[in-house]
């Protein structure tokens, strides 16, 4: 009986890993359209402007609660999350389930493709690398 239980658990874990690995690729232009649901509170403004929510420019790969000049809820400030694609997808699906006590009132994006598209948009809207310096410009 224990063997069957372990086998069933292994199958469940393998199925979860497949579901995570099978996340659809994101489409940044489609994500810009979905992001319109977010602009009442968030921006990706290059100047770093915060709204009711923090500026999300460069959020992918950033630690949670680290946008400069934004006053985060205690729940978000102590969440110890890094906004990986997987964590962003989980949070966008159900913010209050991932960070209980967050002040974010948005119910979530239940559609996995919409979440992948928003994440692709956020990745694209991140900080641009500085232009390379030219060596030895002639006068």
Protein backbone atom coordinates (compact mmCIF):
# COMPACT_ATOMS: atom_id res chain seq x y z
CA UNK A 1 0.00 0.00 0.00
CA UNK A 2 2.83 2.43 0.82
CA UNK A 3 4.35 1.65 -2.58
CA UNK A 4 1.12 2.63 -4.35
CA UNK A 5 0.88 5.84 -2.33
CA UNK A 6 4.47 6.75 -3.23
CA UNK A 7 3.87 5.88 -6.87
CA UNK A 8 0.76 8.10 -6.91
CA UNK A 9 2.68 10.96 -5.26
CA UNK A 10 5.49 10.60 -7.81
CA UNK A 11 2.94 10.75 -10.62
CA UNK A 12 1.38 13.88 -9.13
CA UNK A 13 4.79 15.56 -8.76
CA UNK A 14 5.76 14.60 -12.32
CA UNK A 15 2.48 16.04 -13.57
CA UNK A 16 3.09 19.31 -11.70
CA UNK A 17 6.62 19.55 -13.12
CA UNK A 18 5.25 18.98 -16.62
CA UNK A 19 2.61 21.67 -16.10
CA UNK A 20 5.26 24.15 -14.95
CA UNK A 21 7.61 23.23 -17.80
CA UNK A 22 4.75 23.46 -20.29
CA UNK A 23 3.97 27.09 -19.49
CA UNK A 24 3.13 28.81 -22.76
CA UNK A 25 5.60 31.25 -24.29
CA UNK A 26 4.66 34.85 -23.71
CA UNK A 27 3.81 37.42 -26.36
CA UNK A 28 4.91 40.91 -25.27
CA UNK A 29 2.53 42.89 -27.57
CA UNK A 30 -0.40 40.80 -26.31
CA UNK A 31 0.91 41.36 -22.78
CA UNK A 32 0.80 45.13 -23.33
CA UNK A 33 -2.90 44.76 -24.04
CA UNK A 34 -3.49 42.63 -20.92
CA UNK A 35 -1.37 45.08 -18.87
CA UNK A 36 -4.07 47.72 -19.49
CA UNK A 37 -5.91 46.00 -16.62
CA UNK A 38 -2.96 46.95 -14.40
CA UNK A 39 -2.36 50.59 -15.37
CA UNK A 40 -4.88 51.97 -12.89
CA UNK A 41 -2.30 51.16 -10.22
CA UNK A 42 1.02 50.26 -11.92
CA UNK A 43 3.30 51.69 -14.58
CA UNK A 44 6.48 50.70 -16.37
CA UNK A 45 7.53 54.33 -16.68
CA UNK A 46 11.29 54.67 -17.30
CA UNK A 47 11.41 57.54 -14.81
CA UNK A 48 10.33 55.16 -12.05
CA UNK A 49 6.98 56.79 -11.28
CA UNK A 50 4.94 54.79 -8.76
CA UNK A 51 1.16 54.88 -8.63
CA UNK A 52 -1.19 53.21 -6.19
CA UNK A 53 1.08 50.22 -6.81
CA UNK A 54 4.81 50.15 -7.44
CA UNK A 55 6.42 50.81 -10.80
CA UNK A 56 6.97 47.44 -12.47
CA UNK A 57 9.77 48.38 -14.84
CA UNK A 58 12.54 45.84 -14.33
CA UNK A 59 10.45 43.73 -11.92
CA UNK A 60 11.41 40.38 -13.49
CA UNK A 61 14.33 39.05 -11.45
CA UNK A 62 13.98 41.71 -8.73
CA UNK A 63 13.31 40.91 -5.09
CA UNK A 64 9.78 41.69 -3.91
CA UNK A 65 9.15 45.03 -2.24
CA UNK A 66 12.23 46.70 -3.73
CA UNK A 67 10.82 49.36 -6.08
CA UNK A 68 12.37 52.63 -4.90
CA UNK A 69 10.05 55.07 -3.15
CA UNK A 70 7.07 52.76 -2.70
CA UNK A 71 5.55 52.00 0.72
CA UNK A 72 4.80 48.27 0.65
CA UNK A 73 2.40 46.41 2.92
CA UNK A 74 4.09 44.56 5.79
CA UNK A 75 3.03 41.28 4.15
CA UNK A 76 4.80 42.13 0.88
CA UNK A 77 7.81 43.61 2.65
CA UNK A 78 8.40 40.33 4.48
CA UNK A 79 7.43 38.00 1.60
CA UNK A 80 11.04 37.02 0.72
CA UNK A 81 10.13 36.49 -2.94
CA UNK A 82 12.16 37.05 -6.06
CA UNK A 83 9.98 37.86 -9.06
CA UNK A 84 10.98 34.97 -11.27
CA UNK A 85 8.66 34.10 -14.16
CA UNK A 86 7.22 31.26 -12.08
CA UNK A 87 6.63 33.42 -8.98
CA UNK A 88 5.13 36.21 -11.06
CA UNK A 89 2.76 33.75 -12.73
CA UNK A 90 1.67 32.35 -9.36
CA UNK A 91 1.19 35.84 -7.93
CA UNK A 92 -0.68 37.14 -10.97
CA UNK A 93 -2.99 34.12 -10.78
CA UNK A 94 -3.95 34.81 -7.16
CA UNK A 95 -2.10 37.64 -5.38
CA UNK A 96 -3.71 37.10 -1.97
CA UNK A 97 -3.02 33.39 -1.99
CA UNK A 98 0.69 33.89 -2.70
CA UNK A 99 1.13 36.87 -0.33
CA UNK A 100 -1.63 36.80 2.28
CA UNK A 101 -2.16 40.31 3.59
CA UNK A 102 -1.02 42.10 0.43
CA UNK A 103 -2.80 45.39 -0.22
CA UNK A 104 -3.14 44.48 -3.90
CA UNK A 105 -6.88 44.31 -4.48
CA UNK A 106 -6.69 42.75 -7.96
CA UNK A 107 -8.35 39.31 -7.96
CA UNK A 108 -5.85 37.84 -10.43
CA UNK A 109 -5.44 36.65 -14.01
CA UNK A 110 -6.83 33.12 -14.20
CA UNK A 111 -5.72 32.60 -17.81
CA UNK A 112 -2.20 31.15 -17.99
CA UNK A 113 -1.57 32.64 -21.45
CA UNK A 114 -2.54 36.13 -20.24
CA UNK A 115 -0.05 35.76 -17.37
CA UNK A 116 2.71 34.59 -19.72
CA UNK A 117 1.98 37.54 -22.02
CA UNK A 118 2.11 40.09 -19.18
CA UNK A 119 5.40 38.63 -17.95
CA UNK A 120 6.84 38.84 -21.49
CA UNK A 121 5.70 42.48 -21.63
CA UNK A 122 7.31 43.21 -18.26
CA UNK A 123 10.56 41.57 -19.38
CA UNK A 124 10.58 43.67 -22.53
CA UNK A 125 9.84 46.88 -20.64
CA UNK A 126 12.73 46.40 -18.21
CA UNK A 127 15.68 48.76 -18.00
CA UNK A 128 17.67 48.99 -21.19
CA UNK A 129 21.42 48.38 -20.94
CA UNK A 130 23.59 51.49 -21.27
CA UNK A 131 24.94 52.21 -24.73
CA UNK A 132 28.54 51.06 -25.18
CA UNK A 133 31.13 53.81 -24.89
CA UNK A 134 33.10 54.57 -28.03
CA UNK A 135 36.84 54.23 -27.73
CA UNK A 136 39.18 56.98 -28.78
CA UNK A 137 36.91 59.34 -30.65
CA UNK A 138 38.94 61.43 -33.15
CA UNK A 139 38.83 65.22 -33.07
